[in-house]
Protein backbone atom coordinates (compact mmCIF):
# COMPACT_ATOMS: atom_id res chain seq x y z
CA MET A 1 0.00 0.00 0.00
CA ASP A 2 1.23 3.51 -0.82
CA SER A 3 2.32 5.32 2.34
CA THR A 4 0.15 8.29 1.39
CA SER A 5 -2.99 6.25 0.92
CA PRO A 6 -5.48 6.27 3.77
CA PRO A 7 -6.83 2.86 4.76
CA PRO A 8 -10.03 1.96 2.91
CA GLY A 9 -13.01 3.70 4.50
CA ALA A 10 -10.90 5.90 6.79
CA PRO A 11 -12.27 9.44 7.13
CA VAL A 12 -9.89 11.95 5.54
CA ARG A 13 -9.80 15.62 6.54
CA ARG A 14 -8.59 18.05 3.83
CA LEU A 15 -7.63 21.70 3.73
CA ARG A 16 -6.35 23.72 0.76
CA PHE A 17 -4.22 26.66 1.81
CA GLY A 18 -1.87 29.44 0.79
CA LEU A 19 0.56 31.58 2.78
CA PRO A 20 -2.16 33.80 4.33
CA ASP A 21 -3.99 30.64 5.53
CA LEU A 22 -1.25 29.29 7.82
CA PRO A 23 -3.24 30.20 10.98
CA GLN A 24 -6.10 28.02 9.66
CA VAL A 25 -3.62 25.20 8.99
CA ARG A 26 -2.50 25.35 12.64
CA GLU A 27 -6.14 25.30 13.80
CA PHE A 28 -6.87 22.38 11.44
CA ALA A 29 -3.89 20.44 12.84
CA GLU A 30 -4.75 21.22 16.46
CA SER A 31 -8.40 20.19 16.16
CA GLY A 32 -7.48 17.01 14.28
CA ALA A 33 -4.94 16.01 16.92
CA ARG A 34 -7.40 16.60 19.74
CA ASP A 35 -10.13 14.67 17.87
CA VAL A 36 -7.94 11.53 17.89
CA GLY A 37 -7.05 11.89 21.58
CA MET A 38 -3.50 13.21 21.33
CA SER A 39 -2.13 14.48 24.68
CA GLU A 40 -1.83 18.24 25.15
CA GLU A 41 1.99 18.22 25.17
CA SER A 42 2.02 16.15 21.97
CA VAL A 43 -0.55 18.44 20.30
CA ASN A 44 1.90 21.36 20.53
CA ASP A 45 4.71 19.38 18.86
CA PHE A 46 2.28 18.09 16.23
CA VAL A 47 1.12 21.63 15.37
CA ILE A 48 4.74 22.85 15.14
CA ALA A 49 5.66 20.03 12.76
CA VAL A 50 2.60 20.53 10.54
CA ASN A 51 3.17 24.30 10.49
CA GLU A 52 6.84 23.90 9.48
CA VAL A 53 5.99 21.63 6.56
CA ALA A 54 2.98 23.72 5.49
CA THR A 55 5.11 26.87 5.57
CA ASN A 56 7.71 25.17 3.36
CA ALA A 57 4.98 24.14 0.93
CA VAL A 58 3.77 27.70 0.36
CA THR A 59 7.16 29.45 0.50
CA HIS A 60 9.34 26.94 -1.40
CA GLY A 61 6.62 25.19 -3.38
CA ALA A 62 3.94 26.42 -5.73
CA GLY A 63 2.17 28.98 -3.55
CA ASP A 64 -0.84 26.90 -2.67
CA ALA A 65 -0.97 23.45 -1.13
CA GLN A 66 -3.19 20.84 0.46
CA VAL A 67 -2.96 19.12 3.81
CA ARG A 68 -4.74 15.82 4.46
CA THR A 69 -4.97 13.87 7.71
CA TRP A 70 -6.29 10.45 8.62
CA SER A 71 -5.90 7.77 11.28
CA ASP A 72 -3.98 4.58 10.57
CA ASN A 73 -3.16 1.81 13.09
CA GLY A 74 -3.21 4.14 16.09
CA ASP A 75 -1.28 6.92 14.33
CA ILE A 76 -2.39 10.20 12.83
CA VAL A 77 -0.94 10.60 9.34
CA VAL A 78 -0.42 14.04 7.80
CA GLU A 79 0.25 14.59 4.11
CA VAL A 80 1.22 18.02 2.77
CA HIS A 81 1.39 18.34 -1.02
CA ASP A 82 2.14 21.20 -3.40
CA GLU A 83 3.01 21.42 -7.08
CA GLY A 84 6.55 22.79 -6.53
CA ASN A 85 9.91 21.07 -6.14
CA TRP A 86 11.62 21.67 -2.83
CA LYS A 87 15.25 21.34 -1.93
CA ALA A 88 15.80 18.33 0.33
CA GLY A 89 17.18 20.17 3.36
CA PRO A 90 19.22 23.04 4.76
CA VAL A 91 22.48 23.98 3.10
CA PRO A 92 25.46 23.73 5.49
CA GLY A 93 25.89 27.08 7.23
CA ALA A 94 22.33 28.21 6.38
CA VAL A 95 20.49 30.41 8.86
CA GLY A 96 17.04 29.09 7.89
CA GLY A 97 15.78 25.99 6.17
CA MET A 98 15.39 23.86 9.26
CA GLY A 99 11.63 23.20 8.91
CA LEU A 100 11.92 19.64 7.59
CA TRP A 101 14.61 18.84 10.14
CA VAL A 102 12.36 20.08 12.98
CA ALA A 103 9.36 18.16 11.60
CA ARG A 104 11.48 14.99 11.30
CA LEU A 105 12.51 15.30 14.96
CA LEU A 106 8.92 15.82 16.15
CA SER A 107 7.27 13.06 14.07
CA SER A 108 7.72 9.31 14.43
CA ASP A 109 8.32 9.07 10.67
CA LEU A 110 8.72 11.57 7.83
CA THR A 111 8.96 10.88 4.11
CA LEU A 112 9.67 13.51 1.43
CA ARG A 113 8.94 12.79 -2.21
CA ILE A 114 9.91 15.29 -4.91
CA GLY A 115 9.03 14.70 -8.52
CA GLY A 116 7.23 15.85 -11.62
CA ARG A 117 3.93 16.08 -9.73
CA GLY A 118 5.30 18.30 -6.98
CA SER A 119 6.50 17.78 -3.44
CA THR A 120 4.79 15.60 -0.85
CA VAL A 121 5.68 15.23 2.81
CA VAL A 122 4.06 12.45 4.82
CA MET A 123 4.44 12.43 8.61
CA ARG A 124 3.20 9.93 11.21
CA PHE A 125 2.52 10.66 14.87
CA PRO A 126 1.20 8.37 17.61
CA ALA A 127 -2.41 9.52 18.09
CA GLY A 128 -2.62 8.56 21.75
CA ALA A 129 0.77 9.97 22.74
């Protein structure tokens, strides 16, 4: 099964967004995490990780993006996709560009795919953590 495919029948939440919509992305992430029973301290890390990846999508990608979330085997899965092609990480000595690194530290798993159809980041977090 493709790592970005929700399990059959799983409810999927979706939000299209651009740079001005980042506050709504954070609200979307927060409410989704609470809906699946994530602990308060984990909700904060979850929102930070989603915000970092969403910010990358609209600043280094195509200007608008989509975030999807669903539950899978006790985890909450987040997929952020845009039509752009990101660079894979910070350049040595860079002042910024740490968003993916931060998201990777906060999630239990992070996958980045860059190709002709854009950039997709998939993150997994324990829902009950």
